[in-house]
């Protein structure tokens, strides 16, 4: 049977406090994004910021798991911590910019403080999350694609990610969170998609490329206030108000590399135009005895109130490709989009609550002329416990497709007309991914992964050899190891 969802107060507490690795037993009942779990194929581990239920490797380490015995003592006082290490090697076997391989890793330190235990402050929690990132990005240097091959790819750095205070009100039905936050931990989340390695299955490329500095998402967060209302009967409603630029990279004259502008995650920008993200979710068939299989449907959207540069015209109205152009994009007001998500358990193994087949599909559309990506869709299947004796392993296959906006494609046409040189026009990029996450021991997974990238960069010309035409389709092979403590 599928487990009965926890009472409202417990669910709100889980939503307020990202999962920490559990020392023993089966994973805690929690879904990625802080919502009730509806996907039986949510994996043992994930590197996506939305997290999910996890187990710790601590019991497998014997006396070295907690040599000083501090963890239970600290937990009793309201202090919990966890570490997650993700290391991977990825190689581009063919196509893209060049062939080659990289090694990269990330250490994630999380800390939760229960202020009720520490200070008698009822319903309050403090959470902090820091990243220590090393290595070289495969997409940046070898593939040249838009849908980044790994969710952990980022410039090497030690940075604060999030730091916030969450207050639960009205018996846990309303949660108010204030502080530095990331939208990809709670918004636009599919529980089934968390098994995949490509970054677009976490924070989709449509928001990552359309919003300044990639939006408030890994590896950058922004000061924000978020409200989440859970009235019951499967419904939840949440809205977040964020500073609209975590790094300030869209300002003229500055280094456009957002991660270098906010090297430590401590810029705490407060004066940029706002970004609002909101979504409503309905989860169904989550009670004991439900006749159908569990799932949820989410509708959401975003609105950014800042100014953006035109992709096609300069500030005098000339095409940017015109030799007489100033090279400064015409200012446009705002960026907005809508999205929908469907997460559905298709099959649950008899007598099991966390083994079976899950399906997801997400679609988004951004009609504003400031958008590089106008339309996006991803979908996939994941099965947990497919093979006998491997109940905790998860296998998945997925596809994501991002279509460039009409203005971006017309800008390419302008370049062909004004330069007089034949060159490709960008259209879209697609990734197909197959992955298998094997649990070695609880809290330690190995994950081979294969990705086929179609039309890297949306179909751009090869910058190393423009006469060769478009970048060729790329094939990426990799292996990831994840340790949770």
Protein backbone atom coordinates (compact mmCIF):
# COMPACT_ATOMS: atom_id res chain seq x y z
CA UNK A 1 0.00 0.00 0.00
CA UNK A 2 1.01 3.57 -0.58
CA UNK A 3 1.68 5.27 2.73
CA UNK A 4 -0.88 7.68 4.08
CA UNK A 5 0.31 11.30 3.90
CA UNK A 6 1.33 12.81 7.19
CA UNK A 7 -0.97 15.26 8.98
CA UNK A 8 -0.92 18.87 7.84
CA UNK A 9 1.54 20.03 10.47
CA UNK A 10 4.03 17.27 9.66
CA UNK A 11 3.74 17.90 5.93
CA UNK A 12 4.34 21.59 6.44
CA UNK A 13 7.37 20.86 8.59
CA UNK A 14 8.79 18.55 5.91
CA UNK A 15 8.20 21.23 3.31
CA UNK A 16 10.01 23.75 5.49
CA UNK A 17 13.02 21.53 6.15
CA UNK A 18 14.89 19.89 3.26
CA UNK A 19 15.57 16.22 3.79
CA UNK A 20 18.62 15.23 5.79
CA UNK A 21 20.14 11.80 5.39
CA UNK A 22 18.47 9.29 7.67
CA UNK A 23 20.82 6.96 9.57
CA UNK A 24 18.74 3.79 9.36
CA UNK A 25 15.70 2.16 7.80
CA UNK A 26 13.80 3.12 4.70
CA UNK A 27 13.86 6.71 3.43
CA UNK A 28 11.69 9.30 5.14
CA UNK A 29 8.31 9.87 3.45
CA UNK A 30 8.98 13.02 1.49
CA UNK A 31 8.90 14.03 -2.13
CA UNK A 32 11.28 16.24 -4.03
CA UNK A 33 10.38 19.90 -3.69
CA UNK A 34 9.15 19.40 -0.12
CA UNK A 35 5.79 17.97 -1.22
CA UNK A 36 4.12 14.64 -0.35
CA UNK A 37 5.67 11.86 -2.41
CA UNK A 38 3.53 10.78 -5.35
CA UNK A 39 6.22 9.08 -7.43
CA UNK A 40 7.17 5.51 -6.51
CA UNK A 41 10.29 5.86 -8.70
CA UNK A 42 11.85 8.83 -6.94
CA UNK A 43 15.48 7.68 -6.66
CA UNK A 44 17.70 6.89 -3.68
CA UNK A 45 19.89 9.93 -4.35
CA UNK A 46 19.77 13.05 -6.50
CA UNK A 47 22.06 16.00 -7.11
CA UNK A 48 19.14 18.28 -7.96
CA UNK A 49 18.52 21.13 -5.55
CA UNK A 50 14.93 20.02 -4.89
CA UNK A 51 16.31 17.01 -3.00
CA UNK A 52 13.99 14.33 -1.72
CA UNK A 53 14.05 11.50 0.75
CA UNK A 54 17.50 9.99 1.37
CA UNK A 55 19.39 7.53 3.54
CA UNK A 56 22.78 7.93 5.14
CA UNK A 57 25.84 5.76 4.67
CA UNK A 58 26.52 6.14 8.39
CA UNK A 59 25.33 2.64 9.49
CA UNK A 60 27.57 1.01 6.87
CA UNK A 61 30.63 2.73 8.35
CA UNK A 62 30.34 0.96 11.69
CA UNK A 63 32.24 2.71 14.50
CA UNK A 64 33.53 5.29 12.03
CA UNK A 65 30.02 6.46 11.15
CA UNK A 66 29.75 8.77 14.17
CA UNK A 67 32.90 8.13 16.23
CA UNK A 68 32.12 10.77 18.84
CA UNK A 69 28.41 10.01 19.03
CA UNK A 70 27.51 13.64 18.38
CA UNK A 71 24.71 13.27 15.85
CA UNK A 72 21.98 11.93 18.19
CA UNK A 73 23.00 14.41 20.90
CA UNK A 74 22.81 17.36 18.49
CA UNK A 75 19.53 16.12 17.00
CA UNK A 76 17.97 15.98 20.45
CA UNK A 77 18.91 19.63 20.90
CA UNK A 78 17.47 20.60 17.50
CA UNK A 79 20.64 20.61 15.37
CA UNK A 80 20.86 18.36 12.32
CA UNK A 81 23.48 18.31 9.60
CA UNK A 82 24.22 16.23 6.52
CA UNK A 83 26.86 15.97 3.82
CA UNK A 84 26.38 14.90 0.21
CA UNK A 85 29.31 14.29 -2.08
CA UNK A 86 28.78 13.93 -5.83
CA UNK A 87 31.73 13.02 -8.03
CA UNK A 88 31.50 12.22 -11.72
CA UNK A 89 33.44 11.77 -14.90
CA UNK A 90 31.82 12.69 -18.22
CA UNK A 91 33.17 12.36 -21.72
CA UNK A 92 32.11 13.68 -25.11
CA UNK A 93 32.71 10.74 -27.44
CA UNK A 94 31.67 12.44 -30.68
CA UNK A 95 30.29 15.71 -32.02
CA UNK A 96 30.04 19.01 -30.18
CA UNK A 97 33.03 21.34 -29.93
CA UNK A 98 35.70 18.68 -29.39
CA UNK A 99 36.18 15.22 -27.95
CA UNK A 100 37.43 14.77 -24.43
CA UNK A 101 36.54 14.00 -20.84
CA UNK A 102 36.34 15.85 -17.54
CA UNK A 103 36.16 15.10 -13.83
CA UNK A 104 34.09 17.27 -11.51
CA UNK A 105 32.72 17.01 -8.02
CA UNK A 106 30.63 18.87 -5.46
CA UNK A 107 30.38 18.67 -1.69
CA UNK A 108 27.12 19.88 -0.19
CA UNK A 109 26.87 20.79 3.50
CA UNK A 110 23.37 21.25 4.95
CA UNK A 111 22.40 22.45 8.40
CA UNK A 112 18.93 22.58 10.02
CA UNK A 113 18.19 24.33 13.29
CA UNK A 114 14.89 23.56 15.05
CA UNK A 115 14.28 26.80 16.93
CA UNK A 116 11.52 25.24 19.01
CA UNK A 117 14.04 22.89 20.62
CA UNK A 118 16.85 25.45 20.68
CA UNK A 119 14.98 28.54 21.84
CA UNK A 120 11.33 27.67 22.42
CA UNK A 121 10.28 29.41 19.19
CA UNK A 122 7.30 27.39 18.05
CA UNK A 123 7.16 26.43 14.37
CA UNK A 124 10.42 28.11 13.35
CA UNK A 125 13.31 26.52 11.45
CA UNK A 126 16.60 27.88 10.14
CA UNK A 127 18.24 26.18 7.17
CA UNK A 128 21.65 26.77 5.53
CA UNK A 129 23.24 25.10 2.55
CA UNK A 130 26.78 25.57 1.17
CA UNK A 131 28.53 24.12 -1.89
CA UNK A 132 32.18 23.33 -2.54
CA UNK A 133 32.55 22.88 -6.30
CA UNK A 134 35.56 21.58 -8.24
CA UNK A 135 36.35 20.53 -11.79
CA UNK A 136 35.72 21.46 -15.40
CA UNK A 137 32.36 21.61 -17.14
CA UNK A 138 31.82 19.31 -20.12
CA UNK A 139 29.15 21.50 -21.73
CA UNK A 140 31.18 24.70 -21.39
CA UNK A 141 34.42 23.35 -22.91
CA UNK A 142 33.56 20.25 -24.97
CA UNK A 143 29.94 20.11 -26.11
CA UNK A 144 28.73 23.72 -26.53
CA UNK A 145 25.11 22.81 -25.78
CA UNK A 146 22.36 24.79 -24.05
CA UNK A 147 20.92 21.92 -21.96
CA UNK A 148 23.91 21.48 -19.64
CA UNK A 149 24.99 17.84 -19.42
CA UNK A 150 25.28 17.77 -15.62
CA UNK A 151 23.26 19.45 -12.90
CA UNK A 152 26.43 19.95 -10.80
CA UNK A 153 28.36 21.75 -13.56
CA UNK A 154 29.49 25.17 -12.34
CA UNK A 155 32.65 27.22 -12.04
CA UNK A 156 34.95 26.03 -9.21
CA UNK A 157 34.07 27.87 -6.02
CA UNK A 158 33.13 27.65 -2.35
CA UNK A 159 29.79 29.38 -1.97
CA UNK A 160 26.80 29.86 0.24
CA UNK A 161 23.69 28.64 -1.53
CA UNK A 162 20.68 29.28 0.72
CA UNK A 163 20.15 30.68 4.21
CA UNK A 164 16.59 31.18 5.39
CA UNK A 165 14.13 31.22 8.29
CA UNK A 166 10.83 29.37 7.94
CA UNK A 167 7.83 30.05 10.19
CA UNK A 168 4.82 27.73 10.27
CA UNK A 169 1.42 29.27 11.10
CA UNK A 170 -2.21 28.14 11.49
CA UNK A 171 -1.42 24.56 12.52
CA UNK A 172 1.09 24.20 9.73
CA UNK A 173 -1.24 25.17 6.89
CA UNK A 174 0.74 28.33 6.07
CA UNK A 175 4.52 28.56 5.85
CA UNK A 176 6.39 31.86 5.46
CA UNK A 177 10.04 31.67 4.46
CA UNK A 178 12.41 34.64 4.32
CA UNK A 179 16.10 34.86 3.48
CA UNK A 180 18.37 33.79 0.62
CA UNK A 181 16.44 31.20 -1.36
CA UNK A 182 16.52 29.27 -4.64
CA UNK A 183 13.43 28.73 -6.76
CA UNK A 184 14.65 25.37 -8.08
CA UNK A 185 14.29 23.79 -4.63
CA UNK A 186 10.48 24.15 -4.68
CA UNK A 187 9.18 25.41 -8.04
CA UNK A 188 9.00 23.64 -11.40
CA UNK A 189 9.87 20.30 -9.72
CA UNK A 190 9.06 16.82 -11.01
CA UNK A 191 9.72 14.05 -8.48
CA UNK A 192 10.23 11.38 -11.15
CA UNK A 193 12.72 13.56 -13.06
CA UNK A 194 15.14 13.80 -10.12
CA UNK A 195 16.99 10.64 -11.21
CA UNK A 196 18.40 12.26 -14.36
CA UNK A 197 21.84 13.87 -14.67
CA UNK A 198 21.23 16.60 -17.25
CA UNK A 199 20.57 19.92 -15.53
CA UNK A 200 17.43 20.73 -17.51
CA UNK A 201 15.50 18.01 -15.66
CA UNK A 202 15.94 20.11 -12.53
CA UNK A 203 15.72 23.84 -13.33
CA UNK A 204 14.60 23.81 -16.99
CA UNK A 205 16.64 25.63 -19.61
CA UNK A 206 13.72 27.93 -20.46
CA UNK A 207 14.08 29.68 -17.10
CA UNK A 208 17.84 29.13 -16.88
CA UNK A 209 18.46 31.05 -20.12
CA UNK A 210 15.58 33.53 -20.14
CA UNK A 211 16.08 34.97 -16.64
CA UNK A 212 19.00 37.20 -15.56
CA UNK A 213 21.99 35.22 -14.22
CA UNK A 214 20.00 32.03 -14.81
CA UNK A 215 17.41 32.98 -12.20
CA UNK A 216 17.54 32.04 -8.50
CA UNK A 217 18.76 28.49 -9.10
CA UNK A 218 21.94 26.44 -8.66
CA UNK A 219 24.59 27.66 -8.17
CA UNK A 220 23.11 31.11 -7.39
CA UNK A 221 20.30 32.03 -5.00
CA UNK A 222 18.72 35.40 -4.17
CA UNK A 223 17.03 37.18 -1.25
CA UNK A 224 13.35 36.29 -1.28
CA UNK A 225 10.16 35.76 0.64
CA UNK A 226 8.02 32.69 -0.05
CA UNK A 227 4.55 31.76 1.19
CA UNK A 228 3.12 28.25 0.93
CA UNK A 229 -0.48 27.41 1.80
CA UNK A 230 -1.61 23.79 2.24
CA UNK A 231 -5.38 23.79 2.94
CA UNK A 232 -5.72 20.00 2.64
CA UNK A 233 -7.49 17.61 0.26
CA UNK A 234 -4.37 17.42 -1.88
CA UNK A 235 -4.20 21.12 -2.75
CA UNK A 236 -1.23 23.43 -2.19
CA UNK A 237 -0.45 26.95 -3.33
CA UNK A 238 2.89 28.73 -3.19
CA UNK A 239 4.31 32.03 -4.37
CA UNK A 240 7.82 33.44 -4.14
CA UNK A 241 9.03 37.04 -4.50
CA UNK A 242 12.75 37.10 -5.39
CA UNK A 243 15.32 39.75 -6.13
CA UNK A 244 15.40 39.45 -9.90
CA UNK A 245 19.14 39.12 -10.47
CA UNK A 246 21.31 36.95 -8.18
CA UNK A 247 24.54 38.35 -9.67
CA UNK A 248 23.85 41.53 -11.64
CA UNK A 249 25.32 40.01 -14.81
CA UNK A 250 22.79 41.66 -17.12
CA UNK A 251 23.99 45.19 -16.38
CA UNK A 252 25.87 46.93 -19.24
CA UNK A 253 29.64 47.12 -18.95
CA UNK A 254 30.03 44.31 -16.44
CA UNK A 255 31.47 40.82 -16.82
CA UNK A 256 28.55 38.77 -18.15
CA UNK A 257 29.65 35.66 -16.24
CA UNK A 258 27.19 35.58 -13.35
CA UNK A 259 29.10 33.09 -11.20
CA UNK A 260 32.20 35.32 -11.25
CA UNK A 261 30.16 38.38 -10.26
CA UNK A 262 28.79 36.52 -7.23
CA UNK A 263 31.79 34.33 -6.38
CA UNK A 264 30.83 33.37 -2.83
CA UNK A 265 27.03 33.54 -2.94
CA UNK A 266 27.01 36.45 -0.51
CA UNK A 267 26.09 39.41 -2.74
CA UNK A 268 22.58 39.50 -1.17
CA UNK A 269 21.26 41.81 -3.89
CA UNK A 270 18.10 43.71 -2.92
CA UNK A 271 17.64 46.53 -5.44
CA UNK A 272 17.02 44.66 -8.68
CA UNK A 273 13.57 44.47 -10.31
CA UNK A 274 11.55 41.66 -8.79
CA UNK A 275 10.87 38.15 -10.01
CA UNK A 276 7.61 36.45 -8.98
CA UNK A 277 7.12 32.69 -9.31
CA UNK A 278 3.82 31.04 -8.36
CA UNK A 279 2.27 27.62 -8.71
CA UNK A 280 -0.72 25.55 -7.62
CA UNK A 281 -0.62 21.77 -7.17
CA UNK A 282 -3.27 19.10 -6.77
CA UNK A 283 -2.09 15.69 -5.53
CA UNK A 284 -4.51 12.76 -5.77
CA UNK A 285 -4.81 9.12 -4.69
CA UNK A 286 -2.35 9.55 -1.84
CA UNK A 287 -4.52 8.05 0.94
CA UNK A 288 -4.43 4.46 2.16
CA UNK A 289 -7.05 2.51 0.28
CA UNK A 290 -7.14 4.83 -2.73
CA UNK A 291 -8.38 2.93 -5.76
CA UNK A 292 -6.18 4.78 -8.24
CA UNK A 293 -2.44 5.35 -8.43
CA UNK A 294 -0.95 8.54 -6.97
CA UNK A 295 0.01 11.56 -9.00
CA UNK A 296 -0.12 15.33 -9.07
CA UNK A 297 -0.78 18.16 -11.50
CA UNK A 298 0.91 21.56 -11.19
CA UNK A 299 0.20 24.85 -12.97
CA UNK A 300 2.62 27.71 -12.52
CA UNK A 301 4.25 30.75 -14.02
CA UNK A 302 6.78 33.54 -13.58
CA UNK A 303 6.94 37.29 -14.17
CA UNK A 304 10.15 39.34 -14.13
CA UNK A 305 9.68 43.12 -13.94
CA UNK A 306 13.14 44.20 -15.14
CA UNK A 307 14.42 45.46 -18.46
CA UNK A 308 15.98 43.14 -21.02
CA UNK A 309 17.98 43.68 -24.21
CA UNK A 310 16.32 42.88 -27.52
CA UNK A 311 17.74 39.83 -29.25
CA UNK A 312 17.36 41.45 -32.69
CA UNK A 313 17.29 45.27 -32.62
CA UNK A 314 19.57 47.95 -31.17
CA UNK A 315 18.51 51.05 -29.23
CA UNK A 316 18.07 53.05 -32.46
CA UNK A 317 15.85 50.45 -34.12
CA UNK A 318 18.47 49.01 -36.47
CA UNK A 319 19.08 45.26 -36.59
CA UNK A 320 22.01 44.30 -34.39
CA UNK A 321 23.53 42.60 -37.43
CA UNK A 322 23.62 45.90 -39.35
CA UNK A 323 27.20 47.28 -39.49
CA UNK A 324 25.77 50.69 -38.52
CA UNK A 325 24.25 49.28 -35.31
CA UNK A 326 25.31 50.61 -31.92
CA UNK A 327 25.57 47.03 -30.66
CA UNK A 328 23.38 47.89 -27.67
CA UNK A 329 20.12 45.96 -27.59
CA UNK A 330 16.86 47.88 -27.51
CA UNK A 331 15.46 47.77 -23.96
CA UNK A 332 12.41 45.57 -23.50
CA UNK A 333 10.22 45.44 -20.43
CA UNK A 334 9.76 42.21 -18.52
CA UNK A 335 9.92 38.48 -19.07
CA UNK A 336 7.13 36.01 -18.33
CA UNK A 337 6.13 32.42 -18.85
CA UNK A 338 3.68 29.67 -17.94
CA UNK A 339 4.33 26.01 -17.15
CA UNK A 340 2.51 22.78 -16.35
CA UNK A 341 3.70 19.53 -14.77
CA UNK A 342 2.16 16.09 -14.54
CA UNK A 343 3.78 13.47 -12.30
CA UNK A 344 2.06 10.08 -12.35
CA UNK A 345 2.72 6.63 -10.93
CA UNK A 346 1.82 4.22 -13.73
CA UNK A 347 2.46 0.94 -11.93
CA UNK A 348 3.18 -0.01 -8.31
CA UNK A 349 4.55 -3.41 -7.42
CA UNK A 350 2.29 -5.49 -5.20
CA UNK A 351 2.90 -4.89 -1.52
CA UNK A 352 5.42 -2.11 -2.21
CA UNK A 353 5.07 1.61 -1.65
CA UNK A 354 8.33 2.76 -3.27
CA UNK A 355 8.82 0.40 -6.23
CA UNK A 356 7.27 0.71 -9.64
CA UNK A 357 7.02 2.82 -12.77
CA UNK A 358 6.66 6.60 -12.78
CA UNK A 359 6.02 9.06 -15.60
CA UNK A 360 6.46 12.82 -15.87
CA UNK A 361 5.90 15.54 -18.43
CA UNK A 362 6.61 19.26 -18.11
CA UNK A 363 5.80 21.98 -20.63
CA UNK A 364 6.51 25.72 -20.60
CA UNK A 365 5.92 28.67 -22.90
CA UNK A 366 7.42 32.15 -22.74
CA UNK A 367 5.80 34.59 -25.20
CA UNK A 368 7.82 37.68 -24.25
CA UNK A 369 10.21 39.07 -26.89
CA UNK A 370 13.08 39.08 -24.40
CA UNK A 371 13.10 35.26 -24.26
CA UNK A 372 15.87 33.26 -25.95
CA UNK A 373 13.90 30.03 -25.37
CA UNK A 374 10.23 30.37 -26.32
CA UNK A 375 8.94 26.84 -25.74
CA UNK A 376 10.10 23.84 -23.74
CA UNK A 377 8.94 20.30 -23.03
CA UNK A 378 10.47 17.34 -21.25
CA UNK A 379 9.16 13.88 -20.44
CA UNK A 380 10.40 10.55 -19.19
CA UNK A 381 9.90 7.25 -17.44
CA UNK A 382 11.66 5.86 -14.38
CA UNK A 383 11.32 2.44 -12.77
CA UNK A 384 12.51 1.69 -9.24
CA UNK A 385 13.10 -1.98 -8.41
CA UNK A 386 12.91 -3.27 -11.97
CA UNK A 387 15.37 -6.13 -11.49
CA UNK A 388 14.99 -8.93 -8.92
CA UNK A 389 17.19 -8.39 -5.90
CA UNK A 390 17.80 -4.72 -6.82
CA UNK A 391 14.77 -3.16 -5.16
CA UNK A 392 16.36 0.26 -4.57
CA UNK A 393 17.93 0.71 -8.03
CA UNK A 394 16.30 3.14 -10.46
CA UNK A 395 16.46 3.08 -14.25
CA UNK A 396 15.18 5.92 -16.41
CA UNK A 397 14.90 7.31 -19.90
CA UNK A 398 13.97 10.89 -20.75
CA UNK A 399 13.78 13.51 -23.47
CA UNK A 400 13.91 17.31 -23.33
CA UNK A 401 13.37 19.77 -26.18
CA UNK A 402 13.95 23.54 -26.17
CA UNK A 403 12.83 25.73 -29.09
CA UNK A 404 14.49 29.09 -29.67
CA UNK A 405 12.31 32.17 -30.03
CA UNK A 406 11.34 33.72 -33.35
CA UNK A 407 13.38 36.85 -32.58
CA UNK A 408 16.51 34.77 -32.00
CA UNK A 409 16.02 32.99 -35.34
CA UNK A 410 15.28 36.26 -37.16
CA UNK A 411 18.48 37.71 -35.71
CA UNK A 412 20.33 34.80 -37.35
CA UNK A 413 18.61 35.62 -40.64
CA UNK A 414 19.69 39.26 -40.29
CA UNK A 415 23.29 38.15 -39.81
CA UNK A 416 23.14 36.09 -43.01
CA UNK A 417 21.64 39.02 -44.96
CA UNK A 418 24.04 41.70 -43.72
CA UNK A 419 27.19 39.57 -43.80
CA UNK A 420 26.42 37.92 -47.12
CA UNK A 421 27.78 34.68 -45.74
CA UNK A 422 25.81 31.43 -45.53
CA UNK A 423 25.49 30.17 -41.97
CA UNK A 424 23.07 28.03 -39.96
CA UNK A 425 19.97 29.45 -38.32
CA UNK A 426 19.38 28.22 -34.81
CA UNK A 427 16.15 26.36 -34.25
CA UNK A 428 16.08 24.01 -31.24
CA UNK A 429 18.12 21.65 -29.09
CA UNK A 430 17.09 18.21 -27.85
CA UNK A 431 18.63 15.81 -25.35
CA UNK A 432 17.81 12.13 -24.87
CA UNK A 433 19.14 10.56 -21.68
CA UNK A 434 19.27 7.01 -20.33
CA UNK A 435 20.52 6.36 -16.81
CA UNK A 436 20.76 3.64 -14.17
CA UNK A 437 21.27 4.40 -10.49
CA UNK A 438 22.59 1.42 -8.53
CA UNK A 439 22.54 1.43 -4.73
CA UNK A 440 25.80 -0.11 -3.48
CA UNK A 441 24.80 0.32 0.15
CA UNK A 442 22.17 2.68 1.56
CA UNK A 443 23.55 6.19 1.09
CA UNK A 444 26.06 5.25 -1.64
CA UNK A 445 25.06 5.04 -5.31
CA UNK A 446 26.82 4.56 -8.64
CA UNK A 447 25.12 5.86 -11.76
CA UNK A 448 26.24 5.24 -15.37
CA UNK A 449 24.64 7.72 -17.76
CA UNK A 450 24.33 8.21 -21.53
CA UNK A 451 23.12 11.35 -23.31
CA UNK A 452 22.56 12.12 -26.98
CA UNK A 453 22.52 15.86 -27.70
CA UNK A 454 20.83 16.81 -30.95
CA UNK A 455 21.72 20.17 -32.54
CA UNK A 456 24.03 21.50 -29.77
CA UNK A 457 23.58 25.22 -29.18
CA UNK A 458 20.29 25.08 -31.05
CA UNK A 459 22.14 24.30 -34.30
CA UNK A 460 24.92 26.90 -34.24
CA UNK A 461 27.86 26.90 -36.62
CA UNK A 462 30.98 25.17 -35.35
CA UNK A 463 33.04 28.05 -33.86
CA UNK A 464 36.26 26.09 -34.41
CA UNK A 465 35.50 25.54 -38.10
CA UNK A 466 32.64 27.71 -39.43
CA UNK A 467 33.02 26.15 -42.89
CA UNK A 468 32.08 22.74 -41.43
CA UNK A 469 28.48 23.81 -40.84
CA UNK A 470 26.55 23.16 -37.64
CA UNK A 471 27.96 21.55 -34.54
CA UNK A 472 27.48 17.83 -34.95
CA UNK A 473 25.22 15.86 -32.63
CA UNK A 474 27.13 14.89 -29.49
CA UNK A 475 27.28 11.68 -27.49
CA UNK A 476 28.04 11.94 -23.77
CA UNK A 477 28.95 9.00 -21.54
CA UNK A 478 29.54 9.25 -17.82
CA UNK A 479 29.64 7.69 -14.40
CA UNK A 480 28.50 9.39 -11.18
CA UNK A 481 29.11 8.39 -7.57
CA UNK A 482 27.04 9.88 -4.74
CA UNK A 483 27.66 9.50 -1.02
CA UNK A 484 25.16 10.80 1.54
CA UNK A 485 26.05 11.19 5.19
